[in-house]
Amino acid sequence: IDLLRSDYSVALKERADWLASEVATLSDGEIDDLVRSRMDL
């Protein structure tokens, strides 16, 4: 992953880091609620 250095790859890694801290550790129910609320939108 460290070898991927294009602007897109860097931006993707930044967003993955954000998701890991903000979303990945949520419970299954919390993720379901998040997706359900977005799917409605």
PDB file of all heavy atoms in Angstrom:
ATOM      1  N   ILE A   1       0.828  -1.208   0.000  1.00  0.00           N
ATOM      2  CA  ILE A   1       0.000   0.000   0.000  1.00  0.00           C
ATOM      3  C   ILE A   1       0.862   1.258   0.000  1.00  0.00           C
ATOM      4  O   ILE A   1       0.534   2.256  -0.637  1.00  0.00           O
ATOM      5  CB  ILE A   1      -0.977  -0.009   1.197  1.00  0.00           C
ATOM      6  CG1 ILE A   1      -1.991  -1.136   1.059  1.00  0.00           C
ATOM      7  CG2 ILE A   1      -1.672   1.326   1.370  1.00  0.00           C
ATOM      8  CD1 ILE A   1      -2.774  -1.136  -0.224  1.00  0.00           C
ATOM      9  N   ASP A   2       1.987   1.218   0.712  1.00  0.00           N
ATOM     10  CA  ASP A   2       2.885   2.381   0.743  1.00  0.00           C
ATOM     11  C   ASP A   2       3.431   2.728  -0.639  1.00  0.00           C
ATOM     12  O   ASP A   2       3.800   3.878  -0.892  1.00  0.00           O
ATOM     13  CB  ASP A   2       4.065   2.132   1.693  1.00  0.00           C
ATOM     14  CG  ASP A   2       3.656   2.211   3.153  1.00  0.00           C
ATOM     15  OD1 ASP A   2       2.560   2.732   3.447  1.00  0.00           O
ATOM     16  OD2 ASP A   2       4.446   1.734   4.002  1.00  0.00           O
ATOM     17  N   LEU A   3       3.454   1.758  -1.542  1.00  0.00           N
ATOM     18  CA  LEU A   3       3.962   2.000  -2.899  1.00  0.00           C
ATOM     19  C   LEU A   3       2.957   2.748  -3.779  1.00  0.00           C
ATOM     20  O   LEU A   3       3.327   3.279  -4.823  1.00  0.00           O
ATOM     21  CB  LEU A   3       4.338   0.680  -3.574  1.00  0.00           C
ATOM     22  CG  LEU A   3       5.486  -0.092  -2.925  1.00  0.00           C
ATOM     23  CD1 LEU A   3       5.639  -1.460  -3.585  1.00  0.00           C
ATOM     24  CD2 LEU A   3       6.775   0.703  -3.008  1.00  0.00           C
ATOM     25  N   LEU A   4       1.712   2.790  -3.352  1.00  0.00           N
ATOM     26  CA  LEU A   4       0.670   3.474  -4.120  1.00  0.00           C
ATOM     27  C   LEU A   4       0.703   4.952  -3.769  1.00  0.00           C
ATOM     28  O   LEU A   4       0.337   5.344  -2.663  1.00  0.00           O
ATOM     29  CB  LEU A   4      -0.707   2.875  -3.806  1.00  0.00           C
ATOM     30  CG  LEU A   4      -0.848   1.372  -4.047  1.00  0.00           C
ATOM     31  CD1 LEU A   4      -2.220   0.893  -3.592  1.00  0.00           C
ATOM     32  CD2 LEU A   4      -0.598   1.027  -5.503  1.00  0.00           C
ATOM     33  N   ARG A   5       1.156   5.777  -4.707  1.00  0.00           N
ATOM     34  CA  ARG A   5       1.394   7.184  -4.389  1.00  0.00           C
ATOM     35  C   ARG A   5       0.701   8.179  -5.309  1.00  0.00           C
ATOM     36  O   ARG A   5       0.966   9.375  -5.233  1.00  0.00           O
ATOM     37  CB  ARG A   5       2.899   7.449  -4.404  1.00  0.00           C
ATOM     38  CG  ARG A   5       3.599   6.656  -3.322  1.00  0.00           C
ATOM     39  CD  ARG A   5       5.005   7.068  -3.140  1.00  0.00           C
ATOM     40  NE  ARG A   5       5.602   6.273  -2.079  1.00  0.00           N
ATOM     41  CZ  ARG A   5       6.860   6.000  -2.003  1.00  0.00           C
ATOM     42  NH1 ARG A   5       7.688   6.447  -2.928  1.00  0.00           N
ATOM     43  NH2 ARG A   5       7.327   5.280  -1.012  1.00  0.00           N
ATOM     44  N   SER A   6      -0.161   7.716  -6.183  1.00  0.00           N
ATOM     45  CA  SER A   6      -0.879   8.665  -7.035  1.00  0.00           C
ATOM     46  C   SER A   6      -1.778   9.534  -6.150  1.00  0.00           C
ATOM     47  O   SER A   6      -2.084   9.174  -5.011  1.00  0.00           O
ATOM     48  CB  SER A   6      -1.731   7.922  -8.062  1.00  0.00           C
ATOM     49  OG  SER A   6      -2.822   7.285  -7.422  1.00  0.00           O
ATOM     50  N   ASP A   7      -2.206  10.679  -6.670  1.00  0.00           N
ATOM     51  CA  ASP A   7      -3.101  11.555  -5.907  1.00  0.00           C
ATOM     52  C   ASP A   7      -4.353  10.801  -5.477  1.00  0.00           C
ATOM     53  O   ASP A   7      -4.814  10.940  -4.344  1.00  0.00           O
ATOM     54  CB  ASP A   7      -3.493  12.784  -6.734  1.00  0.00           C
ATOM     55  CG  ASP A   7      -2.331  13.728  -6.972  1.00  0.00           C
ATOM     56  OD1 ASP A   7      -1.309  13.620  -6.261  1.00  0.00           O
ATOM     57  OD2 ASP A   7      -2.450  14.585  -7.871  1.00  0.00           O
ATOM     58  N   TYR A   8      -4.901   9.998  -6.378  1.00  0.00           N
ATOM     59  CA  TYR A   8      -6.113   9.234  -6.068  1.00  0.00           C
ATOM     60  C   TYR A   8      -5.846   8.225  -4.949  1.00  0.00           C
ATOM     61  O   TYR A   8      -6.630   8.103  -4.011  1.00  0.00           O
ATOM     62  CB  TYR A   8      -6.635   8.524  -7.319  1.00  0.00           C
ATOM     63  CG  TYR A   8      -7.900   7.742  -7.061  1.00  0.00           C
ATOM     64  CD1 TYR A   8      -9.143   8.360  -7.108  1.00  0.00           C
ATOM     65  CD2 TYR A   8      -7.850   6.384  -6.768  1.00  0.00           C
ATOM     66  CE1 TYR A   8     -10.308   7.657  -6.860  1.00  0.00           C
ATOM     67  CE2 TYR A   8      -9.011   5.664  -6.517  1.00  0.00           C
ATOM     68  CZ  TYR A   8     -10.236   6.308  -6.571  1.00  0.00           C
ATOM     69  OH  TYR A   8     -11.388   5.612  -6.317  1.00  0.00           O
ATOM     70  N   SER A   9      -4.723   7.515  -5.040  1.00  0.00           N
ATOM     71  CA  SER A   9      -4.383   6.514  -4.017  1.00  0.00           C
ATOM     72  C   SER A   9      -4.191   7.159  -2.653  1.00  0.00           C
ATOM     73  O   SER A   9      -4.649   6.630  -1.634  1.00  0.00           O
ATOM     74  CB  SER A   9      -3.110   5.751  -4.404  1.00  0.00           C
ATOM     75  OG  SER A   9      -3.311   5.020  -5.580  1.00  0.00           O
ATOM     76  N   VAL A  10      -3.533   8.292  -2.618  1.00  0.00           N
ATOM     77  CA  VAL A  10      -3.316   9.007  -1.351  1.00  0.00           C
ATOM     78  C   VAL A  10      -4.662   9.435  -0.765  1.00  0.00           C
ATOM     79  O   VAL A  10      -4.927   9.262   0.428  1.00  0.00           O
ATOM     80  CB  VAL A  10      -2.368  10.213  -1.548  1.00  0.00           C
ATOM     81  CG1 VAL A  10      -2.349  11.115  -0.321  1.00  0.00           C
ATOM     82  CG2 VAL A  10      -0.963   9.721  -1.884  1.00  0.00           C
ATOM     83  N   ALA A  11      -5.540   9.979  -1.613  1.00  0.00           N
ATOM     84  CA  ALA A  11      -6.862  10.399  -1.155  1.00  0.00           C
ATOM     85  C   ALA A  11      -7.675   9.201  -0.668  1.00  0.00           C
ATOM     86  O   ALA A  11      -8.390   9.292   0.345  1.00  0.00           O
ATOM     87  CB  ALA A  11      -7.598  11.131  -2.277  1.00  0.00           C
ATOM     88  N   LEU A  12      -7.565   8.080  -1.355  1.00  0.00           N
ATOM     89  CA  LEU A  12      -8.271   6.870  -0.958  1.00  0.00           C
ATOM     90  C   LEU A  12      -7.769   6.378   0.399  1.00  0.00           C
ATOM     91  O   LEU A  12      -8.566   6.015   1.275  1.00  0.00           O
ATOM     92  CB  LEU A  12      -8.091   5.791  -2.029  1.00  0.00           C
ATOM     93  CG  LEU A  12      -8.920   4.529  -1.903  1.00  0.00           C
ATOM     94  CD1 LEU A  12     -10.410   4.854  -1.982  1.00  0.00           C
ATOM     95  CD2 LEU A  12      -8.540   3.547  -3.004  1.00  0.00           C
ATOM     96  N   LYS A  13      -6.462   6.398   0.602  1.00  0.00           N
ATOM     97  CA  LYS A  13      -5.895   5.980   1.887  1.00  0.00           C
ATOM     98  C   LYS A  13      -6.337   6.912   3.016  1.00  0.00           C
ATOM     99  O   LYS A  13      -6.637   6.454   4.122  1.00  0.00           O
ATOM    100  CB  LYS A  13      -4.363   5.909   1.805  1.00  0.00           C
ATOM    101  CG  LYS A  13      -3.885   4.739   0.948  1.00  0.00           C
ATOM    102  CD  LYS A  13      -2.384   4.569   1.012  1.00  0.00           C
ATOM    103  CE  LYS A  13      -1.690   5.350  -0.064  1.00  0.00           C
ATOM    104  NZ  LYS A  13      -0.237   5.064  -0.132  1.00  0.00           N
ATOM    105  N   GLU A  14      -6.405   8.205   2.751  1.00  0.00           N
ATOM    106  CA  GLU A  14      -6.875   9.153   3.764  1.00  0.00           C
ATOM    107  C   GLU A  14      -8.315   8.848   4.158  1.00  0.00           C
ATOM    108  O   GLU A  14      -8.670   8.870   5.343  1.00  0.00           O
ATOM    109  CB  GLU A  14      -6.778  10.590   3.252  1.00  0.00           C
ATOM    110  CG  GLU A  14      -5.362  11.100   3.125  1.00  0.00           C
ATOM    111  CD  GLU A  14      -5.248  12.407   2.351  1.00  0.00           C
ATOM    112  OE1 GLU A  14      -6.272  12.896   1.802  1.00  0.00           O
ATOM    113  OE2 GLU A  14      -4.122  12.945   2.288  1.00  0.00           O
ATOM    114  N   ARG A  15      -9.158   8.553   3.190  1.00  0.00           N
ATOM    115  CA  ARG A  15     -10.551   8.247   3.474  1.00  0.00           C
ATOM    116  C   ARG A  15     -10.694   6.903   4.185  1.00  0.00           C
ATOM    117  O   ARG A  15     -11.540   6.742   5.062  1.00  0.00           O
ATOM    118  CB  ARG A  15     -11.379   8.300   2.193  1.00  0.00           C
ATOM    119  CG  ARG A  15     -11.671   9.755   1.819  1.00  0.00           C
ATOM    120  CD  ARG A  15     -11.796   9.961   0.326  1.00  0.00           C
ATOM    121  NE  ARG A  15     -12.051  11.362   0.017  1.00  0.00           N
ATOM    122  CZ  ARG A  15     -11.093  12.296  -0.072  1.00  0.00           C
ATOM    123  NH1 ARG A  15      -9.821  11.993   0.138  1.00  0.00           N
ATOM    124  NH2 ARG A  15     -11.402  13.546  -0.370  1.00  0.00           N
ATOM    125  N   ALA A  16      -9.852   5.950   3.835  1.00  0.00           N
ATOM    126  CA  ALA A  16      -9.863   4.653   4.521  1.00  0.00           C
ATOM    127  C   ALA A  16      -9.462   4.830   5.984  1.00  0.00           C
ATOM    128  O   ALA A  16     -10.065   4.213   6.875  1.00  0.00           O
ATOM    129  CB  ALA A  16      -8.932   3.677   3.812  1.00  0.00           C
ATOM    130  N   ASP A  17      -8.468   5.672   6.243  1.00  0.00           N
ATOM    131  CA  ASP A  17      -8.069   5.954   7.627  1.00  0.00           C
ATOM    132  C   ASP A  17      -9.222   6.601   8.393  1.00  0.00           C
ATOM    133  O   ASP A  17      -9.486   6.261   9.548  1.00  0.00           O
ATOM    134  CB  ASP A  17      -6.835   6.862   7.671  1.00  0.00           C
ATOM    135  CG  ASP A  17      -5.561   6.164   7.237  1.00  0.00           C
ATOM    136  OD1 ASP A  17      -5.507   4.913   7.245  1.00  0.00           O
ATOM    137  OD2 ASP A  17      -4.597   6.877   6.871  1.00  0.00           O
ATOM    138  N   TRP A  18      -9.917   7.543   7.747  1.00  0.00           N
ATOM    139  CA  TRP A  18     -11.056   8.193   8.373  1.00  0.00           C
ATOM    140  C   TRP A  18     -12.145   7.166   8.695  1.00  0.00           C
ATOM    141  O   TRP A  18     -12.694   7.146   9.805  1.00  0.00           O
ATOM    142  CB  TRP A  18     -11.600   9.311   7.478  1.00  0.00           C
ATOM    143  CG  TRP A  18     -12.751  10.035   8.096  1.00  0.00           C
ATOM    144  CD1 TRP A  18     -12.691  11.059   8.997  1.00  0.00           C
ATOM    145  CD2 TRP A  18     -14.143   9.771   7.879  1.00  0.00           C
ATOM    146  NE1 TRP A  18     -13.965  11.444   9.349  1.00  0.00           N
ATOM    147  CE2 TRP A  18     -14.862  10.676   8.689  1.00  0.00           C
ATOM    148  CE3 TRP A  18     -14.829   8.859   7.090  1.00  0.00           C
ATOM    149  CZ2 TRP A  18     -16.255  10.686   8.718  1.00  0.00           C
ATOM    150  CZ3 TRP A  18     -16.215   8.871   7.119  1.00  0.00           C
ATOM    151  CH2 TRP A  18     -16.916   9.779   7.921  1.00  0.00           C
ATOM    152  N   LEU A  19     -12.462   6.293   7.724  1.00  0.00           N
ATOM    153  CA  LEU A  19     -13.475   5.264   7.950  1.00  0.00           C
ATOM    154  C   LEU A  19     -13.072   4.312   9.071  1.00  0.00           C
ATOM    155  O   LEU A  19     -13.915   3.896   9.871  1.00  0.00           O
ATOM    156  CB  LEU A  19     -13.712   4.444   6.669  1.00  0.00           C
ATOM    157  CG  LEU A  19     -14.659   5.020   5.649  1.00  0.00           C
ATOM    158  CD1 LEU A  19     -14.682   4.143   4.405  1.00  0.00           C
ATOM    159  CD2 LEU A  19     -16.054   5.160   6.206  1.00  0.00           C
ATOM    160  N   ALA A  20     -11.795   3.947   9.119  1.00  0.00           N
ATOM    161  CA  ALA A  20     -11.320   3.025  10.154  1.00  0.00           C
ATOM    162  C   ALA A  20     -11.558   3.612  11.540  1.00  0.00           C
ATOM    163  O   ALA A  20     -11.925   2.887  12.468  1.00  0.00           O
ATOM    164  CB  ALA A  20      -9.839   2.713   9.951  1.00  0.00           C
ATOM    165  N   SER A  21     -11.392   4.915  11.682  1.00  0.00           N
ATOM    166  CA  SER A  21     -11.573   5.527  12.998  1.00  0.00           C
ATOM    167  C   SER A  21     -13.027   5.878  13.287  1.00  0.00           C
ATOM    168  O   SER A  21     -13.454   5.860  14.440  1.00  0.00           O
ATOM    169  CB  SER A  21     -10.686   6.765  13.141  1.00  0.00           C
ATOM    170  OG  SER A  21     -11.107   7.783  12.269  1.00  0.00           O
ATOM    171  N   GLU A  22     -13.818   6.199  12.271  1.00  0.00           N
ATOM    172  CA  GLU A  22     -15.179   6.696  12.493  1.00  0.00           C
ATOM    173  C   GLU A  22     -16.284   5.658  12.283  1.00  0.00           C
ATOM    174  O   GLU A  22     -17.355   5.798  12.866  1.00  0.00           O
ATOM    175  CB  GLU A  22     -15.459   7.887  11.563  1.00  0.00           C
ATOM    176  CG  GLU A  22     -14.548   9.071  11.788  1.00  0.00           C
ATOM    177  CD  GLU A  22     -14.745   9.726  13.145  1.00  0.00           C
ATOM    178  OE1 GLU A  22     -15.903   9.788  13.619  1.00  0.00           O
ATOM    179  OE2 GLU A  22     -13.738  10.160  13.730  1.00  0.00           O
ATOM    180  N   VAL A  23     -16.045   4.654  11.439  1.00  0.00           N
ATOM    181  CA  VAL A  23     -17.133   3.759  11.054  1.00  0.00           C
ATOM    182  C   VAL A  23     -16.804   2.279  11.300  1.00  0.00           C
ATOM    183  O   VAL A  23     -17.664   1.528  11.757  1.00  0.00           O
ATOM    184  CB  VAL A  23     -17.500   3.964   9.558  1.00  0.00           C
ATOM    185  CG1 VAL A  23     -18.558   2.984   9.099  1.00  0.00           C
ATOM    186  CG2 VAL A  23     -17.956   5.399   9.321  1.00  0.00           C
ATOM    187  N   ALA A  24     -15.595   1.860  11.010  1.00  0.00           N
ATOM    188  CA  ALA A  24     -15.259   0.426  11.025  1.00  0.00           C
ATOM    189  C   ALA A  24     -15.500  -0.240  12.368  1.00  0.00           C
ATOM    190  O   ALA A  24     -15.810  -1.430  12.426  1.00  0.00           O
ATOM    191  CB  ALA A  24     -13.820   0.222  10.584  1.00  0.00           C
ATOM    192  N   THR A  25     -15.386   0.495  13.447  1.00  0.00           N
ATOM    193  CA  THR A  25     -15.552  -0.110  14.770  1.00  0.00           C
ATOM    194  C   THR A  25     -16.987  -0.054  15.287  1.00  0.00           C
ATOM    195  O   THR A  25     -17.262  -0.525  16.388  1.00  0.00           O
ATOM    196  CB  THR A  25     -14.612   0.571  15.785  1.00  0.00           C
ATOM    197  OG1 THR A  25     -14.895   1.969  15.812  1.00  0.00           O
ATOM    198  CG2 THR A  25     -13.153   0.349  15.419  1.00  0.00           C
ATOM    199  N   LEU A  26     -17.908   0.510  14.520  1.00  0.00           N
ATOM    200  CA  LEU A  26     -19.314   0.531  14.917  1.00  0.00           C
ATOM    201  C   LEU A  26     -19.857  -0.896  14.972  1.00  0.00           C
ATOM    202  O   LEU A  26     -19.361  -1.789  14.274  1.00  0.00           O
ATOM    203  CB  LEU A  26     -20.152   1.350  13.929  1.00  0.00           C
ATOM    204  CG  LEU A  26     -19.846   2.836  13.812  1.00  0.00           C
ATOM    205  CD1 LEU A  26     -20.709   3.467  12.713  1.00  0.00           C
ATOM    206  CD2 LEU A  26     -20.069   3.553  15.133  1.00  0.00           C
ATOM    207  N   SER A  27     -20.891  -1.096  15.748  1.00  0.00           N
ATOM    208  CA  SER A  27     -21.540  -2.410  15.787  1.00  0.00           C
ATOM    209  C   SER A  27     -22.247  -2.660  14.455  1.00  0.00           C
ATOM    210  O   SER A  27     -22.501  -1.724  13.682  1.00  0.00           O
ATOM    211  CB  SER A  27     -22.551  -2.463  16.929  1.00  0.00           C
ATOM    212  OG  SER A  27     -23.670  -1.642  16.618  1.00  0.00           O
ATOM    213  N   ASP A  28     -22.603  -3.912  14.208  1.00  0.00           N
ATOM    214  CA  ASP A  28     -23.334  -4.240  12.982  1.00  0.00           C
ATOM    215  C   ASP A  28     -24.644  -3.453  12.907  1.00  0.00           C
ATOM    216  O   ASP A  28     -25.011  -2.934  11.856  1.00  0.00           O
ATOM    217  CB  ASP A  28     -23.622  -5.741  12.905  1.00  0.00           C
ATOM    218  CG  ASP A  28     -22.394  -6.562  12.575  1.00  0.00           C
ATOM    219  OD1 ASP A  28     -21.398  -5.988  12.091  1.00  0.00           O
ATOM    220  OD2 ASP A  28     -22.437  -7.790  12.797  1.00  0.00           O
ATOM    221  N   GLY A  29     -25.332  -3.334  14.043  1.00  0.00           N
ATOM    222  CA  GLY A  29     -26.588  -2.582  14.075  1.00  0.00           C
ATOM    223  C   GLY A  29     -26.398  -1.116  13.743  1.00  0.00           C
ATOM    224  O   GLY A  29     -27.202  -0.521  13.020  1.00  0.00           O
ATOM    225  N   GLU A  30     -25.321  -0.523  14.264  1.00  0.00           N
ATOM    226  CA  GLU A  30     -25.043   0.888  13.991  1.00  0.00           C
ATOM    227  C   GLU A  30     -24.697   1.102  12.515  1.00  0.00           C
ATOM    228  O   GLU A  30     -25.125   2.100  11.907  1.00  0.00           O
ATOM    229  CB  GLU A  30     -23.902   1.388  14.877  1.00  0.00           C
ATOM    230  CG  GLU A  30     -24.279   1.498  16.349  1.00  0.00           C
ATOM    231  CD  GLU A  30     -23.084   1.742  17.254  1.00  0.00           C
ATOM    232  OE1 GLU A  30     -22.004   1.166  17.019  1.00  0.00           O
ATOM    233  OE2 GLU A  30     -23.252   2.513  18.223  1.00  0.00           O
ATOM    234  N   ILE A  31     -23.948   0.180  11.938  1.00  0.00           N
ATOM    235  CA  ILE A  31     -23.627   0.291  10.505  1.00  0.00           C
ATOM    236  C   ILE A  31     -24.891   0.105   9.681  1.00  0.00           C
ATOM    237  O   ILE A  31     -25.123   0.834   8.707  1.00  0.00           O
ATOM    238  CB  ILE A  31     -22.518  -0.692  10.097  1.00  0.00           C
ATOM    239  CG1 ILE A  31     -21.182  -0.191  10.652  1.00  0.00           C
ATOM    240  CG2 ILE A  31     -22.450  -0.857   8.580  1.00  0.00           C
ATOM    241  CD1 ILE A  31     -19.980  -1.025  10.284  1.00  0.00           C
ATOM    242  N   ASP A  32     -25.737  -0.846  10.070  1.00  0.00           N
ATOM    243  CA  ASP A  32     -27.010  -1.046   9.367  1.00  0.00           C
ATOM    244  C   ASP A  32     -27.842   0.231   9.403  1.00  0.00           C
ATOM    245  O   ASP A  32     -28.411   0.638   8.391  1.00  0.00           O
ATOM    246  CB  ASP A  32     -27.808  -2.193   9.987  1.00  0.00           C
ATOM    247  CG  ASP A  32     -27.212  -3.559   9.691  1.00  0.00           C
ATOM    248  OD1 ASP A  32     -26.330  -3.657   8.813  1.00  0.00           O
ATOM    249  OD2 ASP A  32     -27.633  -4.528  10.356  1.00  0.00           O
ATOM    250  N   ASP A  33     -27.910   0.870  10.576  1.00  0.00           N
ATOM    251  CA  ASP A  33     -28.676   2.121  10.702  1.00  0.00           C
ATOM    252  C   ASP A  33     -28.095   3.217   9.821  1.00  0.00           C
ATOM    253  O   ASP A  33     -28.837   3.956   9.168  1.00  0.00           O
ATOM    254  CB  ASP A  33     -28.704   2.590  12.158  1.00  0.00           C
ATOM    255  CG  ASP A  33     -29.563   1.703  13.055  1.00  0.00           C
ATOM    256  OD1 ASP A  33     -30.366   0.910  12.522  1.00  0.00           O
ATOM    257  OD2 ASP A  33     -29.408   1.807  14.287  1.00  0.00           O
ATOM    258  N   LEU A  34     -26.774   3.324   9.803  1.00  0.00           N
ATOM    259  CA  LEU A  34     -26.104   4.334   8.982  1.00  0.00           C
ATOM    260  C   LEU A  34     -26.430   4.120   7.502  1.00  0.00           C
ATOM    261  O   LEU A  34     -26.824   5.047   6.801  1.00  0.00           O
ATOM    262  CB  LEU A  34     -24.590   4.267   9.205  1.00  0.00           C
ATOM    263  CG  LEU A  34     -23.727   5.184   8.337  1.00  0.00           C
ATOM    264  CD1 LEU A  34     -23.975   6.643   8.705  1.00  0.00           C
ATOM    265  CD2 LEU A  34     -22.257   4.827   8.515  1.00  0.00           C
ATOM    266  N   VAL A  35     -26.294   2.883   7.042  1.00  0.00           N
ATOM    267  CA  VAL A  35     -26.561   2.578   5.632  1.00  0.00           C
ATOM    268  C   VAL A  35     -28.040   2.771   5.319  1.00  0.00           C
ATOM    269  O   VAL A  35     -28.392   3.364   4.303  1.00  0.00           O
ATOM    270  CB  VAL A  35     -26.089   1.147   5.275  1.00  0.00           C
ATOM    271  CG1 VAL A  35     -26.573   0.737   3.900  1.00  0.00           C
ATOM    272  CG2 VAL A  35     -24.574   1.058   5.359  1.00  0.00           C
ATOM    273  N   ARG A  36     -28.898   2.313   6.215  1.00  0.00           N
ATOM    274  CA  ARG A  36     -30.337   2.453   5.996  1.00  0.00           C
ATOM    275  C   ARG A  36     -30.728   3.928   5.874  1.00  0.00           C
ATOM    276  O   ARG A  36     -31.495   4.302   4.989  1.00  0.00           O
ATOM    277  CB  ARG A  36     -31.105   1.790   7.138  1.00  0.00           C
ATOM    278  CG  ARG A  36     -32.552   1.539   6.819  1.00  0.00           C
ATOM    279  CD  ARG A  36     -33.279   0.739   7.913  1.00  0.00           C
ATOM    280  NE  ARG A  36     -32.675  -0.569   8.135  1.00  0.00           N
ATOM    281  CZ  ARG A  36     -31.984  -0.917   9.246  1.00  0.00           C
ATOM    282  NH1 ARG A  36     -31.798  -0.065  10.221  1.00  0.00           N
ATOM    283  NH2 ARG A  36     -31.491  -2.122   9.357  1.00  0.00           N
ATOM    284  N   SER A  37     -30.165   4.773   6.725  1.00  0.00           N
ATOM    285  CA  SER A  37     -30.498   6.200   6.660  1.00  0.00           C
ATOM    286  C   SER A  37     -30.001   6.814   5.354  1.00  0.00           C
ATOM    287  O   SER A  37     -30.641   7.676   4.771  1.00  0.00           O
ATOM    288  CB  SER A  37     -29.925   6.953   7.861  1.00  0.00           C
ATOM    289  OG  SER A  37     -28.510   7.038   7.786  1.00  0.00           O
ATOM    290  N   ARG A  38     -28.857   6.386   4.877  1.00  0.00           N
ATOM    291  CA  ARG A  38     -28.323   6.894   3.610  1.00  0.00           C
ATOM    292  C   ARG A  38     -29.107   6.317   2.439  1.00  0.00           C
ATOM    293  O   ARG A  38     -29.358   7.009   1.462  1.00  0.00           O
ATOM    294  CB  ARG A  38     -26.838   6.536   3.454  1.00  0.00           C
ATOM    295  CG  ARG A  38     -25.947   7.213   4.462  1.00  0.00           C
ATOM    296  CD  ARG A  38     -25.933   8.712   4.237  1.00  0.00           C
ATOM    297  NE  ARG A  38     -26.703   9.384   5.263  1.00  0.00           N
ATOM    298  CZ  ARG A  38     -26.898  10.685   5.341  1.00  0.00           C
ATOM    299  NH1 ARG A  38     -26.395  11.501   4.465  1.00  0.00           N
ATOM    300  NH2 ARG A  38     -27.612  11.204   6.295  1.00  0.00           N
ATOM    301  N   MET A  39     -29.483   5.037   2.521  1.00  0.00           N
ATOM    302  CA  MET A  39     -30.247   4.423   1.434  1.00  0.00           C
ATOM    303  C   MET A  39     -31.577   5.158   1.263  1.00  0.00           C
ATOM    304  O   MET A  39     -32.017   5.380   0.153  1.00  0.00           O
ATOM    305  CB  MET A  39     -30.511   2.931   1.719  1.00  0.00           C
ATOM    306  CG  MET A  39     -29.269   2.069   1.663  1.00  0.00           C
ATOM    307  SD  MET A  39     -28.693   1.781   0.002  1.00  0.00           S
ATOM    308  CE  MET A  39     -29.545   0.267  -0.358  1.00  0.00           C
ATOM    309  N   ASP A  40     -32.198   5.543   2.378  1.00  0.00           N
ATOM    310  CA  ASP A  40     -33.445   6.312   2.287  1.00  0.00           C
ATOM    311  C   ASP A  40     -33.198   7.620   1.553  1.00  0.00           C
ATOM    312  O   ASP A  40     -33.977   8.029   0.708  1.00  0.00           O
ATOM    313  CB  ASP A  40     -34.020   6.587   3.684  1.00  0.00           C
ATOM    314  CG  ASP A  40     -34.575   5.332   4.345  1.00  0.00           C
ATOM    315  OD1 ASP A  40     -34.796   4.329   3.634  1.00  0.00           O
ATOM    316  OD2 ASP A  40     -34.768   5.346   5.577  1.00  0.00           O
ATOM    317  N   LEU A  41     -32.081   8.293   1.861  1.00  0.00           N
ATOM    318  CA  LEU A  41     -31.734   9.550   1.192  1.00  0.00           C
ATOM    319  C   LEU A  41     -31.498   9.298  -0.296  1.00  0.00           C
ATOM    320  O   LEU A  41     -31.996  10.031  -1.144  1.00  0.00           O
ATOM    321  CB  LEU A  41     -30.488  10.165   1.831  1.00  0.00           C
ATOM    322  CG  LEU A  41     -29.916  11.409   1.149  1.00  0.00           C
ATOM    323  CD1 LEU A  41     -30.898  12.568   1.246  1.00  0.00           C
ATOM    324  CD2 LEU A  41     -28.583  11.788   1.763  1.00  0.00           C
TER     325      LEU A  41
END
